[in-house]
Amino acid sequence: MEFSKPKKIFIVDDDEMLTEALSDYLTRKVAHNISVFSTGEDCMQHLSENPDVIILDFYLNSVKKDAANGLEVLEAFRKHLPNTRFIMLSSQESYATAARTIQKGAEQYVIKDDDAFRKIADLI
């Protein structure tokens, strides 16, 4: 099995336990450079670092109630980072939601389930 080269990855999710677990999982085999942000607004300040991949939660307002949702963040970031790959991560099992995120520029839509981390690792 061939592993990917280390990448600069941003994880934008307001679930601290999930981001820690996902970060640990992704760096288990490859020493990716991972930065974690609880809102898109926090992440926006670091876009000049040109991440290779951004893993973005669909809902981002459990910590900060007025935070932009993942779709809004995706649209804003896409303009600044045309070469960055976006993976939307969500508990929403709606085909319409998934289709909207792909239409707005997400490469993949991954549902938060027991296999989500493996799916993300395979995409990276």
PDB file of N, CA and C in Angstrom:
ATOM      1  N   MET A   1       0.839  -1.179   0.000  1.00  0.00           N
ATOM      2  CA  MET A   1       0.000   0.000   0.000  1.00  0.00           C
ATOM      3  C   MET A   1       0.885   1.244   0.000  1.00  0.00           C
ATOM      4  N   GLU A   2       0.612   2.160  -0.896  1.00  0.00           N
ATOM      5  CA  GLU A   2       1.378   3.396  -1.009  1.00  0.00           C
ATOM      6  C   GLU A   2       0.636   4.510  -0.283  1.00  0.00           C
ATOM      7  N   PHE A   3       1.362   5.267   0.511  1.00  0.00           N
ATOM      8  CA  PHE A   3       0.752   6.355   1.260  1.00  0.00           C
ATOM      9  C   PHE A   3       1.039   7.679   0.573  1.00  0.00           C
ATOM     10  N   SER A   4       0.158   8.614   0.808  1.00  0.00           N
ATOM     11  CA  SER A   4       0.321   9.927   0.197  1.00  0.00           C
ATOM     12  C   SER A   4       1.455  10.702   0.852  1.00  0.00           C
ATOM     13  N   LYS A   5       1.915  11.716   0.149  1.00  0.00           N
ATOM     14  CA  LYS A   5       2.940  12.606   0.688  1.00  0.00           C
ATOM     15  C   LYS A   5       2.277  13.544   1.686  1.00  0.00           C
ATOM     16  N   PRO A   6       3.043  14.041   2.663  1.00  0.00           N
ATOM     17  CA  PRO A   6       2.458  14.968   3.638  1.00  0.00           C
ATOM     18  C   PRO A   6       1.863  16.197   2.963  1.00  0.00           C
ATOM     19  N   LYS A   7       0.715  16.618   3.460  1.00  0.00           N
ATOM     20  CA  LYS A   7       0.012  17.772   2.915  1.00  0.00           C
ATOM     21  C   LYS A   7      -0.328  18.750   4.032  1.00  0.00           C
ATOM     22  N   LYS A   8      -0.556  19.989   3.644  1.00  0.00           N
ATOM     23  CA  LYS A   8      -1.063  20.992   4.581  1.00  0.00           C
ATOM     24  C   LYS A   8      -2.584  20.880   4.544  1.00  0.00           C
ATOM     25  N   ILE A   9      -3.155  20.514   5.687  1.00  0.00           N
ATOM     26  CA  ILE A   9      -4.592  20.269   5.778  1.00  0.00           C
ATOM     27  C   ILE A   9      -5.196  21.178   6.836  1.00  0.00           C
ATOM     28  N   PHE A  10      -6.296  21.836   6.487  1.00  0.00           N
ATOM     29  CA  PHE A  10      -7.079  22.604   7.447  1.00  0.00           C
ATOM     30  C   PHE A  10      -8.354  21.815   7.725  1.00  0.00           C
ATOM     31  N   ILE A  11      -8.679  21.667   9.000  1.00  0.00           N
ATOM     32  CA  ILE A  11      -9.946  21.070   9.410  1.00  0.00           C
ATOM     33  C   ILE A  11     -10.764  22.182  10.046  1.00  0.00           C
ATOM     34  N   VAL A  12     -11.951  22.431   9.492  1.00  0.00           N
ATOM     35  CA  VAL A  12     -12.829  23.480  10.007  1.00  0.00           C
ATOM     36  C   VAL A  12     -14.098  22.805  10.508  1.00  0.00           C
ATOM     37  N   ASP A  13     -14.168  22.656  11.832  1.00  0.00           N
ATOM     38  CA  ASP A  13     -15.311  21.982  12.459  1.00  0.00           C
ATOM     39  C   ASP A  13     -15.385  22.456  13.898  1.00  0.00           C
ATOM     40  N   ASP A  14     -16.590  22.698  14.398  1.00  0.00           N
ATOM     41  CA  ASP A  14     -16.742  23.204  15.758  1.00  0.00           C
ATOM     42  C   ASP A  14     -16.837  22.104  16.810  1.00  0.00           C
ATOM     43  N   ASP A  15     -16.683  20.853  16.410  1.00  0.00           N
ATOM     44  CA  ASP A  15     -16.685  19.724  17.336  1.00  0.00           C
ATOM     45  C   ASP A  15     -15.233  19.383  17.678  1.00  0.00           C
ATOM     46  N   GLU A  16     -14.785  19.834  18.842  1.00  0.00           N
ATOM     47  CA  GLU A  16     -13.387  19.690  19.233  1.00  0.00           C
ATOM     48  C   GLU A  16     -12.939  18.227  19.316  1.00  0.00           C
ATOM     49  N   MET A  17     -13.792  17.362  19.824  1.00  0.00           N
ATOM     50  CA  MET A  17     -13.422  15.938  19.923  1.00  0.00           C
ATOM     51  C   MET A  17     -13.252  15.324  18.535  1.00  0.00           C
ATOM     52  N   LEU A  18     -14.148  15.683  17.627  1.00  0.00           N
ATOM     53  CA  LEU A  18     -14.053  15.148  16.273  1.00  0.00           C
ATOM     54  C   LEU A  18     -12.786  15.634  15.590  1.00  0.00           C
ATOM     55  N   THR A  19     -12.476  16.915  15.707  1.00  0.00           N
ATOM     56  CA  THR A  19     -11.290  17.436  15.016  1.00  0.00           C
ATOM     57  C   THR A  19     -10.017  16.815  15.569  1.00  0.00           C
ATOM     58  N   GLU A  20      -9.964  16.598  16.868  1.00  0.00           N
ATOM     59  CA  GLU A  20      -8.788  15.963  17.462  1.00  0.00           C
ATOM     60  C   GLU A  20      -8.649  14.516  16.987  1.00  0.00           C
ATOM     61  N   ALA A  21      -9.754  13.797  16.975  1.00  0.00           N
ATOM     62  CA  ALA A  21      -9.715  12.407  16.528  1.00  0.00           C
ATOM     63  C   ALA A  21      -9.364  12.306  15.044  1.00  0.00           C
ATOM     64  N   LEU A  22      -9.946  13.169  14.217  1.00  0.00           N
ATOM     65  CA  LEU A  22      -9.658  13.161  12.786  1.00  0.00           C
ATOM     66  C   LEU A  22      -8.204  13.533  12.526  1.00  0.00           C
ATOM     67  N   SER A  23      -7.711  14.528  13.214  1.00  0.00           N
ATOM     68  CA  SER A  23      -6.313  14.924  13.069  1.00  0.00           C
ATOM     69  C   SER A  23      -5.383  13.774  13.437  1.00  0.00           C
ATOM     70  N   ASP A  24      -5.647  13.120  14.548  1.00  0.00           N
ATOM     71  CA  ASP A  24      -4.841  11.964  14.962  1.00  0.00           C
ATOM     72  C   ASP A  24      -4.890  10.854  13.917  1.00  0.00           C
ATOM     73  N   TYR A  25      -6.074  10.583  13.402  1.00  0.00           N
ATOM     74  CA  TYR A  25      -6.245   9.528  12.402  1.00  0.00           C
ATOM     75  C   TYR A  25      -5.450   9.843  11.130  1.00  0.00           C
ATOM     76  N   LEU A  26      -5.537  11.076  10.671  1.00  0.00           N
ATOM     77  CA  LEU A  26      -4.884  11.443   9.411  1.00  0.00           C
ATOM     78  C   LEU A  26      -3.363  11.477   9.516  1.00  0.00           C
ATOM     79  N   THR A  27      -2.850  11.694  10.710  1.00  0.00           N
ATOM     80  CA  THR A  27      -1.391  11.750  10.870  1.00  0.00           C
ATOM     81  C   THR A  27      -0.799  10.424  11.352  1.00  0.00           C
ATOM     82  N   ARG A  28      -1.616   9.413  11.498  1.00  0.00           N
ATOM     83  CA  ARG A  28      -1.135   8.117  11.971  1.00  0.00           C
ATOM     84  C   ARG A  28      -0.115   7.496  11.019  1.00  0.00           C
ATOM     85  N   LYS A  29      -0.344   7.587   9.716  1.00  0.00           N
ATOM     86  CA  LYS A  29       0.545   6.970   8.719  1.00  0.00           C
ATOM     87  C   LYS A  29       1.415   7.985   7.983  1.00  0.00           C
ATOM     88  N   VAL A  30       0.902   9.212   7.856  1.00  0.00           N
ATOM     89  CA  VAL A  30       1.612  10.265   7.123  1.00  0.00           C
ATOM     90  C   VAL A  30       1.628  11.518   7.999  1.00  0.00           C
ATOM     91  N   ALA A  31       2.777  12.146   8.099  1.00  0.00           N
ATOM     92  CA  ALA A  31       2.928  13.321   8.965  1.00  0.00           C
ATOM     93  C   ALA A  31       2.402  14.581   8.288  1.00  0.00           C
ATOM     94  N   HIS A  32       1.080  14.609   8.063  1.00  0.00           N
ATOM     95  CA  HIS A  32       0.463  15.797   7.485  1.00  0.00           C
ATOM     96  C   HIS A  32       0.600  16.970   8.450  1.00  0.00           C
ATOM     97  N   ASN A  33       0.656  18.173   7.894  1.00  0.00           N
ATOM     98  CA  ASN A  33       0.672  19.401   8.685  1.00  0.00           C
ATOM     99  C   ASN A  33      -0.784  19.854   8.811  1.00  0.00           C
ATOM    100  N   ILE A  34      -1.380  19.653   9.986  1.00  0.00           N
ATOM    101  CA  ILE A  34      -2.806  19.905  10.166  1.00  0.00           C
ATOM    102  C   ILE A  34      -3.037  21.089  11.097  1.00  0.00           C
ATOM    103  N   SER A  35      -3.917  21.981  10.666  1.00  0.00           N
ATOM    104  CA  SER A  35      -4.366  23.101  11.499  1.00  0.00           C
ATOM    105  C   SER A  35      -5.872  22.960  11.664  1.00  0.00           C
ATOM    106  N   VAL A  36      -6.360  23.259  12.862  1.00  0.00           N
ATOM    107  CA  VAL A  36      -7.778  23.093  13.190  1.00  0.00           C
ATOM    108  C   VAL A  36      -8.383  24.449  13.543  1.00  0.00           C
ATOM    109  N   PHE A  37      -9.585  24.691  13.027  1.00  0.00           N
ATOM    110  CA  PHE A  37     -10.306  25.940  13.280  1.00  0.00           C
ATOM    111  C   PHE A  37     -11.759  25.609  13.606  1.00  0.00           C
ATOM    112  N   SER A  38     -12.344  26.343  14.545  1.00  0.00           N
ATOM    113  CA  SER A  38     -13.727  26.055  14.931  1.00  0.00           C
ATOM    114  C   SER A  38     -14.742  26.816  14.081  1.00  0.00           C
ATOM    115  N   THR A  39     -14.299  27.835  13.355  1.00  0.00           N
ATOM    116  CA  THR A  39     -15.194  28.567  12.453  1.00  0.00           C
ATOM    117  C   THR A  39     -14.461  28.907  11.156  1.00  0.00           C
ATOM    118  N   GLY A  40     -15.242  29.165  10.139  1.00  0.00           N
ATOM    119  CA  GLY A  40     -14.663  29.611   8.880  1.00  0.00           C
ATOM    120  C   GLY A  40     -13.986  30.964   9.025  1.00  0.00           C
ATOM    121  N   GLU A  41     -14.562  31.801   9.874  1.00  0.00           N
ATOM    122  CA  GLU A  41     -13.989  33.122  10.100  1.00  0.00           C
ATOM    123  C   GLU A  41     -12.575  33.011  10.685  1.00  0.00           C
ATOM    124  N   ASP A  42     -12.374  32.075  11.622  1.00  0.00           N
ATOM    125  CA  ASP A  42     -11.039  31.853  12.186  1.00  0.00           C
ATOM    126  C   ASP A  42     -10.072  31.343  11.113  1.00  0.00           C
ATOM    127  N   CYS A  43     -10.550  30.437  10.305  1.00  0.00           N
ATOM    128  CA  CYS A  43      -9.725  29.846   9.251  1.00  0.00           C
ATOM    129  C   CYS A  43      -9.345  30.886   8.196  1.00  0.00           C
ATOM    130  N   MET A  44     -10.249  31.793   7.894  1.00  0.00           N
ATOM    131  CA  MET A  44     -10.034  32.804   6.855  1.00  0.00           C
ATOM    132  C   MET A  44      -8.739  33.581   7.075  1.00  0.00           C
ATOM    133  N   GLN A  45      -8.373  33.784   8.328  1.00  0.00           N
ATOM    134  CA  GLN A  45      -7.162  34.535   8.649  1.00  0.00           C
ATOM    135  C   GLN A  45      -5.884  33.790   8.267  1.00  0.00           C
ATOM    136  N   HIS A  46      -6.006  32.508   7.893  1.00  0.00           N
ATOM    137  CA  HIS A  46      -4.836  31.684   7.585  1.00  0.00           C
ATOM    138  C   HIS A  46      -4.802  31.203   6.133  1.00  0.00           C
ATOM    139  N   LEU A  47      -5.662  31.745   5.298  1.00  0.00           N
ATOM    140  CA  LEU A  47      -5.729  31.291   3.910  1.00  0.00           C
ATOM    141  C   LEU A  47      -4.443  31.554   3.147  1.00  0.00           C
ATOM    142  N   SER A  48      -3.671  32.521   3.576  1.00  0.00           N
ATOM    143  CA  SER A  48      -2.400  32.808   2.898  1.00  0.00           C
ATOM    144  C   SER A  48      -1.408  31.650   3.037  1.00  0.00           C
ATOM    145  N   GLU A  49      -1.675  30.708   3.933  1.00  0.00           N
ATOM    146  CA  GLU A  49      -0.826  29.532   4.093  1.00  0.00           C
ATOM    147  C   GLU A  49      -1.059  28.499   2.987  1.00  0.00           C
ATOM    148  N   ASN A  50      -2.038  28.746   2.140  1.00  0.00           N
ATOM    149  CA  ASN A  50      -2.352  27.913   0.978  1.00  0.00           C
ATOM    150  C   ASN A  50      -2.424  26.415   1.298  1.00  0.00           C
ATOM    151  N   PRO A  51      -3.446  26.009   2.036  1.00  0.00           N
ATOM    152  CA  PRO A  51      -3.578  24.583   2.345  1.00  0.00           C
ATOM    153  C   PRO A  51      -3.839  23.767   1.077  1.00  0.00           C
ATOM    154  N   ASP A  52      -3.398  22.512   1.109  1.00  0.00           N
ATOM    155  CA  ASP A  52      -3.680  21.603  -0.005  1.00  0.00           C
ATOM    156  C   ASP A  52      -5.120  21.124   0.034  1.00  0.00           C
ATOM    157  N   VAL A  53      -5.615  20.896   1.259  1.00  0.00           N
ATOM    158  CA  VAL A  53      -6.952  20.337   1.461  1.00  0.00           C
ATOM    159  C   VAL A  53      -7.615  21.066   2.629  1.00  0.00           C
ATOM    160  N   ILE A  54      -8.906  21.371   2.475  1.00  0.00           N
ATOM    161  CA  ILE A  54      -9.700  21.875   3.595  1.00  0.00           C
ATOM    162  C   ILE A  54     -10.869  20.920   3.796  1.00  0.00           C
ATOM    163  N   ILE A  55     -10.955  20.393   5.010  1.00  0.00           N
ATOM    164  CA  ILE A  55     -12.076  19.535   5.404  1.00  0.00           C
ATOM    165  C   ILE A  55     -13.018  20.447   6.180  1.00  0.00           C
ATOM    166  N   LEU A  56     -14.228  20.586   5.696  1.00  0.00           N
ATOM    167  CA  LEU A  56     -15.135  21.622   6.161  1.00  0.00           C
ATOM    168  C   LEU A  56     -16.463  21.030   6.611  1.00  0.00           C
ATOM    169  N   ASP A  57     -16.850  21.317   7.848  1.00  0.00           N
ATOM    170  CA  ASP A  57     -18.143  20.876   8.368  1.00  0.00           C
ATOM    171  C   ASP A  57     -19.253  21.720   7.757  1.00  0.00           C
ATOM    172  N   PHE A  58     -20.406  21.120   7.569  1.00  0.00           N
ATOM    173  CA  PHE A  58     -21.532  21.855   6.997  1.00  0.00           C
ATOM    174  C   PHE A  58     -22.103  22.854   7.996  1.00  0.00           C
ATOM    175  N   TYR A  59     -22.318  22.426   9.257  1.00  0.00           N
ATOM    176  CA  TYR A  59     -22.817  23.322  10.305  1.00  0.00           C
ATOM    177  C   TYR A  59     -21.663  23.741  11.190  1.00  0.00           C
ATOM    178  N   LEU A  60     -21.495  25.038  11.367  1.00  0.00           N
ATOM    179  CA  LEU A  60     -20.360  25.561  12.128  1.00  0.00           C
ATOM    180  C   LEU A  60     -20.786  26.554  13.209  1.00  0.00           C
ATOM    181  N   ASN A  61     -21.988  26.408  13.740  1.00  0.00           N
ATOM    182  CA  ASN A  61     -22.444  27.437  14.675  1.00  0.00           C
ATOM    183  C   ASN A  61     -22.789  26.929  16.069  1.00  0.00           C
ATOM    184  N   SER A  62     -22.260  25.793  16.490  1.00  0.00           N
ATOM    185  CA  SER A  62     -22.567  25.341  17.843  1.00  0.00           C
ATOM    186  C   SER A  62     -21.734  26.077  18.886  1.00  0.00           C
ATOM    187  N   VAL A  63     -20.569  26.571  18.519  1.00  0.00           N
ATOM    188  CA  VAL A  63     -19.718  27.307  19.451  1.00  0.00           C
ATOM    189  C   VAL A  63     -19.976  28.805  19.325  1.00  0.00           C
ATOM    190  N   LYS A  64     -20.062  29.282  18.110  1.00  0.00           N
ATOM    191  CA  LYS A  64     -20.287  30.702  17.835  1.00  0.00           C
ATOM    192  C   LYS A  64     -21.564  30.802  17.005  1.00  0.00           C
ATOM    193  N   LYS A  65     -22.639  31.266  17.618  1.00  0.00           N
ATOM    194  CA  LYS A  65     -23.979  31.217  17.015  1.00  0.00           C
ATOM    195  C   LYS A  65     -24.102  31.956  15.683  1.00  0.00           C
ATOM    196  N   ASP A  66     -23.322  32.989  15.466  1.00  0.00           N
ATOM    197  CA  ASP A  66     -23.441  33.757  14.227  1.00  0.00           C
ATOM    198  C   ASP A  66     -22.389  33.369  13.192  1.00  0.00           C
ATOM    199  N   ALA A  67     -21.730  32.230  13.407  1.00  0.00           N
ATOM    200  CA  ALA A  67     -20.716  31.772  12.454  1.00  0.00           C
ATOM    201  C   ALA A  67     -21.366  31.394  11.127  1.00  0.00           C
ATOM    202  N   ALA A  68     -20.644  31.616  10.044  1.00  0.00           N
ATOM    203  CA  ALA A  68     -21.133  31.237   8.714  1.00  0.00           C
ATOM    204  C   ALA A  68     -21.222  29.715   8.627  1.00  0.00           C
ATOM    205  N   ASN A  69     -22.174  29.225   7.841  1.00  0.00           N
ATOM    206  CA  ASN A  69     -22.262  27.774   7.663  1.00  0.00           C
ATOM    207  C   ASN A  69     -21.229  27.318   6.632  1.00  0.00           C
ATOM    208  N   GLY A  70     -21.053  26.017   6.549  1.00  0.00           N
ATOM    209  CA  GLY A  70     -20.029  25.453   5.678  1.00  0.00           C
ATOM    210  C   GLY A  70     -20.193  25.824   4.215  1.00  0.00           C
ATOM    211  N   LEU A  71     -21.404  25.915   3.747  1.00  0.00           N
ATOM    212  CA  LEU A  71     -21.638  26.265   2.349  1.00  0.00           C
ATOM    213  C   LEU A  71     -21.185  27.704   2.070  1.00  0.00           C
ATOM    214  N   GLU A  72     -21.490  28.605   2.986  1.00  0.00           N
ATOM    215  CA  GLU A  72     -21.054  29.996   2.836  1.00  0.00           C
ATOM    216  C   GLU A  72     -19.529  30.092   2.876  1.00  0.00           C
ATOM    217  N   VAL A  73     -18.928  29.340   3.772  1.00  0.00           N
ATOM    218  CA  VAL A  73     -17.469  29.337   3.889  1.00  0.00           C
ATOM    219  C   VAL A  73     -16.845  28.765   2.616  1.00  0.00           C
ATOM    220  N   LEU A  74     -17.395  27.685   2.114  1.00  0.00           N
ATOM    221  CA  LEU A  74     -16.904  27.067   0.888  1.00  0.00           C
ATOM    222  C   LEU A  74     -16.924  28.067  -0.258  1.00  0.00           C
ATOM    223  N   GLU A  75     -18.025  28.770  -0.423  1.00  0.00           N
ATOM    224  CA  GLU A  75     -18.126  29.755  -1.499  1.00  0.00           C
ATOM    225  C   GLU A  75     -17.076  30.855  -1.363  1.00  0.00           C
ATOM    226  N   ALA A  76     -16.887  31.357  -0.153  1.00  0.00           N
ATOM    227  CA  ALA A  76     -15.913  32.435   0.069  1.00  0.00           C
ATOM    228  C   ALA A  76     -14.487  31.944  -0.158  1.00  0.00           C
ATOM    229  N   PHE A  77     -14.161  30.771   0.357  1.00  0.00           N
ATOM    230  CA  PHE A  77     -12.801  30.247   0.247  1.00  0.00           C
ATOM    231  C   PHE A  77     -12.452  29.863  -1.177  1.00  0.00           C
ATOM    232  N   ARG A  78     -13.402  29.349  -1.910  1.00  0.00           N
ATOM    233  CA  ARG A  78     -13.181  28.892  -3.283  1.00  0.00           C
ATOM    234  C   ARG A  78     -12.605  30.025  -4.124  1.00  0.00           C
ATOM    235  N   LYS A  79     -13.056  31.252  -3.863  1.00  0.00           N
ATOM    236  CA  LYS A  79     -12.574  32.418  -4.606  1.00  0.00           C
ATOM    237  C   LYS A  79     -11.095  32.685  -4.337  1.00  0.00           C
ATOM    238  N   HIS A  80     -10.669  32.448  -3.104  1.00  0.00           N
ATOM    239  CA  HIS A  80      -9.289  32.735  -2.699  1.00  0.00           C
ATOM    240  C   HIS A  80      -8.332  31.571  -2.949  1.00  0.00           C
ATOM    241  N   LEU A  81      -8.867  30.365  -3.008  1.00  0.00           N
ATOM    242  CA  LEU A  81      -8.029  29.158  -3.097  1.00  0.00           C
ATOM    243  C   LEU A  81      -8.483  28.251  -4.244  1.00  0.00           C
ATOM    244  N   PRO A  82      -8.275  28.682  -5.471  1.00  0.00           N
ATOM    245  CA  PRO A  82      -8.770  27.886  -6.604  1.00  0.00           C
ATOM    246  C   PRO A  82      -8.107  26.516  -6.737  1.00  0.00           C
ATOM    247  N   ASN A  83      -6.919  26.337  -6.179  1.00  0.00           N
ATOM    248  CA  ASN A  83      -6.212  25.059  -6.312  1.00  0.00           C
ATOM    249  C   ASN A  83      -6.328  24.165  -5.084  1.00  0.00           C
ATOM    250  N   THR A  84      -7.057  24.614  -4.085  1.00  0.00           N
ATOM    251  CA  THR A  84      -7.243  23.827  -2.867  1.00  0.00           C
ATOM    252  C   THR A  84      -8.401  22.856  -3.057  1.00  0.00           C
ATOM    253  N   ARG A  85      -8.215  21.653  -2.539  1.00  0.00           N
ATOM    254  CA  ARG A  85      -9.280  20.640  -2.586  1.00  0.00           C
ATOM    255  C   ARG A  85     -10.143  20.781  -1.334  1.00  0.00           C
ATOM    256  N   PHE A  86     -11.457  20.743  -1.516  1.00  0.00           N
ATOM    257  CA  PHE A  86     -12.394  20.880  -0.405  1.00  0.00           C
ATOM    258  C   PHE A  86     -13.177  19.585  -0.234  1.00  0.00           C
ATOM    259  N   ILE A  87     -13.232  19.123   1.013  1.00  0.00           N
ATOM    260  CA  ILE A  87     -14.030  17.950   1.365  1.00  0.00           C
ATOM    261  C   ILE A  87     -15.044  18.406   2.396  1.00  0.00           C
ATOM    262  N   MET A  88     -16.325  18.281   2.079  1.00  0.00           N
ATOM    263  CA  MET A  88     -17.379  18.671   3.009  1.00  0.00           C
ATOM    264  C   MET A  88     -17.692  17.479   3.900  1.00  0.00           C
ATOM    265  N   LEU A  89     -17.741  17.725   5.191  1.00  0.00           N
ATOM    266  CA  LEU A  89     -18.020  16.695   6.185  1.00  0.00           C
ATOM    267  C   LEU A  89     -19.295  17.090   6.909  1.00  0.00           C
ATOM    268  N   SER A  90     -20.272  16.182   6.962  1.00  0.00           N
ATOM    269  CA  SER A  90     -21.550  16.558   7.546  1.00  0.00           C
ATOM    270  C   SER A  90     -22.311  15.357   8.062  1.00  0.00           C
ATOM    271  N   SER A  91     -23.189  15.615   9.010  1.00  0.00           N
ATOM    272  CA  SER A  91     -24.092  14.565   9.477  1.00  0.00           C
ATOM    273  C   SER A  91     -25.390  14.583   8.672  1.00  0.00           C
ATOM    274  N   GLN A  92     -25.513  15.529   7.768  1.00  0.00           N
ATOM    275  CA  GLN A  92     -26.696  15.640   6.911  1.00  0.00           C
ATOM    276  C   GLN A  92     -26.682  14.549   5.837  1.00  0.00           C
ATOM    277  N   GLU A  93     -27.670  13.707   5.837  1.00  0.00           N
ATOM    278  CA  GLU A  93     -27.733  12.628   4.855  1.00  0.00           C
ATOM    279  C   GLU A  93     -28.657  12.991   3.698  1.00  0.00           C
ATOM    280  N   SER A  94     -28.719  14.247   3.384  1.00  0.00           N
ATOM    281  CA  SER A  94     -29.587  14.747   2.326  1.00  0.00           C
ATOM    282  C   SER A  94     -28.830  14.816   1.001  1.00  0.00           C
ATOM    283  N   TYR A  95     -29.401  14.193  -0.022  1.00  0.00           N
ATOM    284  CA  TYR A  95     -28.801  14.253  -1.346  1.00  0.00           C
ATOM    285  C   TYR A  95     -28.748  15.699  -1.840  1.00  0.00           C
ATOM    286  N   ALA A  96     -29.799  16.474  -1.552  1.00  0.00           N
ATOM    287  CA  ALA A  96     -29.847  17.869  -2.004  1.00  0.00           C
ATOM    288  C   ALA A  96     -28.717  18.683  -1.369  1.00  0.00           C
ATOM    289  N   THR A  97     -28.443  18.456  -0.087  1.00  0.00           N
ATOM    290  CA  THR A  97     -27.353  19.156   0.593  1.00  0.00           C
ATOM    291  C   THR A  97     -26.018  18.771  -0.019  1.00  0.00           C
ATOM    292  N   ALA A  98     -25.825  17.500  -0.234  1.00  0.00           N
ATOM    293  CA  ALA A  98     -24.575  17.026  -0.843  1.00  0.00           C
ATOM    294  C   ALA A  98     -24.399  17.630  -2.234  1.00  0.00           C
ATOM    295  N   ALA A  99     -25.441  17.621  -3.018  1.00  0.00           N
ATOM    296  CA  ALA A  99     -25.373  18.152  -4.384  1.00  0.00           C
ATOM    297  C   ALA A  99     -25.040  19.646  -4.380  1.00  0.00           C
ATOM    298  N   ARG A 100     -25.622  20.400  -3.446  1.00  0.00           N
ATOM    299  CA  ARG A 100     -25.327  21.842  -3.360  1.00  0.00           C
ATOM    300  C   ARG A 100     -23.856  22.076  -3.045  1.00  0.00           C
ATOM    301  N   THR A 101     -23.286  21.279  -2.139  1.00  0.00           N
ATOM    302  CA  THR A 101     -21.880  21.490  -1.785  1.00  0.00           C
ATOM    303  C   THR A 101     -20.958  21.134  -2.950  1.00  0.00           C
ATOM    304  N   ILE A 102     -21.297  20.097  -3.688  1.00  0.00           N
ATOM    305  CA  ILE A 102     -20.492  19.722  -4.858  1.00  0.00           C
ATOM    306  C   ILE A 102     -20.611  20.822  -5.919  1.00  0.00           C
ATOM    307  N   GLN A 103     -21.822  21.328  -6.107  1.00  0.00           N
ATOM    308  CA  GLN A 103     -22.044  22.407  -7.076  1.00  0.00           C
ATOM    309  C   GLN A 103     -21.241  23.662  -6.716  1.00  0.00           C
ATOM    310  N   LYS A 104     -21.072  23.920  -5.426  1.00  0.00           N
ATOM    311  CA  LYS A 104     -20.342  25.111  -4.974  1.00  0.00           C
ATOM    312  C   LYS A 104     -18.829  24.897  -4.921  1.00  0.00           C
ATOM    313  N   GLY A 105     -18.358  23.667  -5.211  1.00  0.00           N
ATOM    314  CA  GLY A 105     -16.923  23.480  -5.315  1.00  0.00           C
ATOM    315  C   GLY A 105     -16.295  22.431  -4.420  1.00  0.00           C
ATOM    316  N   ALA A 106     -17.088  21.739  -3.612  1.00  0.00           N
ATOM    317  CA  ALA A 106     -16.518  20.650  -2.814  1.00  0.00           C
ATOM    318  C   ALA A 106     -16.198  19.475  -3.734  1.00  0.00           C
ATOM    319  N   GLU A 107     -15.066  18.861  -3.500  1.00  0.00           N
ATOM    320  CA  GLU A 107     -14.670  17.687  -4.285  1.00  0.00           C
ATOM    321  C   GLU A 107     -15.497  16.464  -3.883  1.00  0.00           C
ATOM    322  N   GLN A 108     -15.734  16.341  -2.589  1.00  0.00           N
ATOM    323  CA  GLN A 108     -16.480  15.205  -2.061  1.00  0.00           C
ATOM    324  C   GLN A 108     -17.351  15.664  -0.898  1.00  0.00           C
ATOM    325  N   TYR A 109     -18.385  14.881  -0.638  1.00  0.00           N
ATOM    326  CA  TYR A 109     -19.273  15.094   0.500  1.00  0.00           C
ATOM    327  C   TYR A 109     -19.236  13.813   1.311  1.00  0.00           C
ATOM    328  N   VAL A 110     -18.714  13.898   2.540  1.00  0.00           N
ATOM    329  CA  VAL A 110     -18.560  12.717   3.388  1.00  0.00           C
ATOM    330  C   VAL A 110     -19.500  12.849   4.575  1.00  0.00           C
ATOM    331  N   ILE A 111     -20.312  11.831   4.779  1.00  0.00           N
ATOM    332  CA  ILE A 111     -21.236  11.808   5.906  1.00  0.00           C
ATOM    333  C   ILE A 111     -20.499  11.333   7.150  1.00  0.00           C
ATOM    334  N   LYS A 112     -20.742  12.015   8.263  1.00  0.00           N
ATOM    335  CA  LYS A 112     -20.129  11.644   9.538  1.00  0.00           C
ATOM    336  C   LYS A 112     -20.736  10.322  10.008  1.00  0.00           C
ATOM    337  N   ASP A 113     -20.028   9.253   9.692  1.00  0.00           N
ATOM    338  CA  ASP A 113     -20.450   7.934  10.150  1.00  0.00           C
ATOM    339  C   ASP A 113     -19.215   7.176  10.617  1.00  0.00           C
ATOM    340  N   ASP A 114     -19.357   5.910  10.896  1.00  0.00           N
ATOM    341  CA  ASP A 114     -18.248   5.117  11.424  1.00  0.00           C
ATOM    342  C   ASP A 114     -17.077   5.007  10.459  1.00  0.00           C
ATOM    343  N   ASP A 115     -17.318   5.247   9.192  1.00  0.00           N
ATOM    344  CA  ASP A 115     -16.292   5.075   8.167  1.00  0.00           C
ATOM    345  C   ASP A 115     -15.769   6.404   7.616  1.00  0.00           C
ATOM    346  N   ALA A 116     -16.211   7.519   8.173  1.00  0.00           N
ATOM    347  CA  ALA A 116     -15.885   8.841   7.622  1.00  0.00           C
ATOM    348  C   ALA A 116     -14.385   9.124   7.600  1.00  0.00           C
ATOM    349  N   PHE A 117     -13.673   8.792   8.665  1.00  0.00           N
ATOM    350  CA  PHE A 117     -12.245   9.096   8.715  1.00  0.00           C
ATOM    351  C   PHE A 117     -11.483   8.344   7.636  1.00  0.00           C
ATOM    352  N   ARG A 118     -11.817   7.078   7.431  1.00  0.00           N
ATOM    353  CA  ARG A 118     -11.156   6.289   6.396  1.00  0.00           C
ATOM    354  C   ARG A 118     -11.446   6.877   5.022  1.00  0.00           C
ATOM    355  N   LYS A 119     -12.677   7.257   4.789  1.00  0.00           N
ATOM    356  CA  LYS A 119     -13.055   7.856   3.496  1.00  0.00           C
ATOM    357  C   LYS A 119     -12.257   9.129   3.239  1.00  0.00           C
ATOM    358  N   ILE A 120     -12.130   9.962   4.259  1.00  0.00           N
ATOM    359  CA  ILE A 120     -11.361  11.202   4.111  1.00  0.00           C
ATOM    360  C   ILE A 120      -9.899  10.900   3.851  1.00  0.00           C
ATOM    361  N   ALA A 121      -9.333   9.963   4.619  1.00  0.00           N
ATOM    362  CA  ALA A 121      -7.922   9.596   4.435  1.00  0.00           C
ATOM    363  C   ALA A 121      -7.681   9.083   3.019  1.00  0.00           C
ATOM    364  N   ASP A 122      -8.618   8.318   2.484  1.00  0.00           N
ATOM    365  CA  ASP A 122      -8.492   7.803   1.122  1.00  0.00           C
ATOM    366  C   ASP A 122      -8.527   8.923   0.088  1.00  0.00           C
ATOM    367  N   LEU A 123      -9.249   9.988   0.383  1.00  0.00           N
ATOM    368  CA  LEU A 123      -9.352  11.123  -0.547  1.00  0.00           C
ATOM    369  C   LEU A 123      -8.119  12.007  -0.529  1.00  0.00           C
ATOM    370  N   ILE A 124      -7.412  11.987   0.586  1.00  0.00           N
ATOM    371  CA  ILE A 124      -6.249  12.856   0.728  1.00  0.00           C
ATOM    372  C   ILE A 124      -5.073  12.192   0.066  1.00  0.00           C
TER     373      ILE A 124
END
